[in-house]
Amino acid sequence: MIESRLVSASQRRLLVIAALVLGILFIALGILYWAEPAGSLPSFIPGHEAGSGHHHVKHGIASFLVGLACLAFAWFQSGPKARGTRVVP
């Protein structure tokens, strides 16, 4: 039983780390969408349009919000594990 808690704690830690990395990447992508015009985006990023001069504001907002959601998820998952509630007679 103790080993199962250790495994779930390590899996939880990996999930938190993955959420942190993804959150930071999505926020950086959102900033990239706001800072660079569509023609200057790398070709592997959705929204790249060769020769275009407009910015993808909605793409940036969506990416930024997804990044914040990932960071919030990591924050809530990294807190102490809730204990069972005790009923007082």
Protein backbone atom coordinates (compact mmCIF):
# COMPACT_ATOMS: atom_id res chain seq x y z
CA MET A 1 0.00 0.00 0.00
CA ILE A 2 2.87 2.39 0.74
CA GLU A 3 4.42 1.64 -2.66
CA SER A 4 1.20 2.60 -4.45
CA ARG A 5 1.30 6.01 -2.73
CA LEU A 6 4.89 6.49 -3.85
CA VAL A 7 4.04 5.62 -7.44
CA SER A 8 1.07 7.95 -7.51
CA ALA A 9 3.17 10.72 -5.96
CA SER A 10 5.83 10.35 -8.66
CA GLN A 11 3.19 10.28 -11.38
CA ARG A 12 1.63 13.38 -9.85
CA ARG A 13 5.02 15.11 -9.86
CA LEU A 14 5.52 14.25 -13.55
CA LEU A 15 2.06 15.60 -14.34
CA VAL A 16 2.86 18.86 -12.53
CA ILE A 17 6.17 19.22 -14.38
CA ALA A 18 4.50 18.52 -17.74
CA ALA A 19 1.77 21.08 -16.99
CA LEU A 20 4.39 23.67 -16.01
CA VAL A 21 6.39 23.13 -19.19
CA LEU A 22 3.30 23.25 -21.40
CA GLY A 23 2.01 26.33 -19.60
CA ILE A 24 5.24 28.21 -20.15
CA LEU A 25 5.38 27.12 -23.81
CA PHE A 26 1.79 28.20 -24.50
CA ILE A 27 2.34 31.60 -22.85
CA ALA A 28 5.51 32.09 -24.91
CA LEU A 29 3.58 31.12 -28.04
CA GLY A 30 0.87 33.64 -27.19
CA ILE A 31 3.48 36.38 -26.83
CA LEU A 32 5.02 35.29 -30.14
CA TYR A 33 1.61 35.59 -31.86
CA TRP A 34 1.25 39.14 -30.51
CA ALA A 35 4.80 40.25 -31.28
CA GLU A 36 5.35 38.86 -34.78
CA PRO A 37 3.24 39.28 -37.91
CA ALA A 38 1.87 36.14 -39.56
CA GLY A 39 4.53 36.25 -42.28
CA SER A 40 7.35 36.20 -39.72
CA LEU A 41 6.08 33.23 -37.72
CA PRO A 42 8.00 29.97 -38.11
CA SER A 43 6.33 27.75 -40.70
CA PHE A 44 5.53 24.96 -38.21
CA ILE A 45 3.35 27.27 -36.07
CA PRO A 46 -0.36 27.38 -37.00
CA GLY A 47 -1.26 30.74 -38.51
CA HIS A 48 1.89 31.21 -40.59
CA GLU A 49 1.00 33.00 -43.80
CA ALA A 50 3.88 33.86 -46.09
CA GLY A 51 4.02 37.56 -46.88
CA SER A 52 1.25 38.49 -44.47
CA GLY A 53 1.65 41.51 -42.20
CA HIS A 54 -1.24 41.07 -39.78
CA HIS A 55 -0.99 39.75 -36.24
CA HIS A 56 -3.01 36.78 -34.94
CA VAL A 57 -4.50 38.45 -31.87
CA LYS A 58 -7.12 35.75 -31.23
CA HIS A 59 -4.52 32.99 -31.58
CA GLY A 60 -2.40 34.83 -29.03
CA ILE A 61 -5.27 35.24 -26.57
CA ALA A 62 -6.25 31.57 -26.86
CA SER A 63 -2.68 30.35 -26.44
CA PHE A 64 -2.10 32.65 -23.47
CA LEU A 65 -5.30 31.45 -21.74
CA VAL A 66 -4.43 27.79 -22.31
CA GLY A 67 -1.00 28.50 -20.82
CA LEU A 68 -2.56 30.11 -17.76
CA ALA A 69 -4.93 27.15 -17.38
CA CYS A 70 -1.98 24.74 -17.47
CA LEU A 71 -0.17 26.76 -14.81
CA ALA A 72 -3.29 26.87 -12.62
CA PHE A 73 -3.69 23.11 -13.00
CA ALA A 74 -0.06 22.57 -11.97
CA TRP A 75 -0.53 24.86 -8.98
CA PHE A 76 -3.61 23.02 -7.73
CA GLN A 77 -2.01 19.61 -8.29
CA SER A 78 1.14 20.57 -6.39
CA GLY A 79 -0.75 21.38 -3.18
CA PRO A 80 -1.12 19.00 -0.27
CA LYS A 81 -3.31 15.97 -0.82
CA ALA A 82 -6.75 16.41 0.78
CA ARG A 83 -7.45 14.16 3.69
CA GLY A 84 -10.78 12.48 4.36
CA THR A 85 -13.28 14.55 6.27
CA ARG A 86 -14.20 13.40 9.74
CA VAL A 87 -17.82 13.37 10.80
CA VAL A 88 -18.37 14.57 14.38
CA PRO A 89 -21.37 12.89 16.08
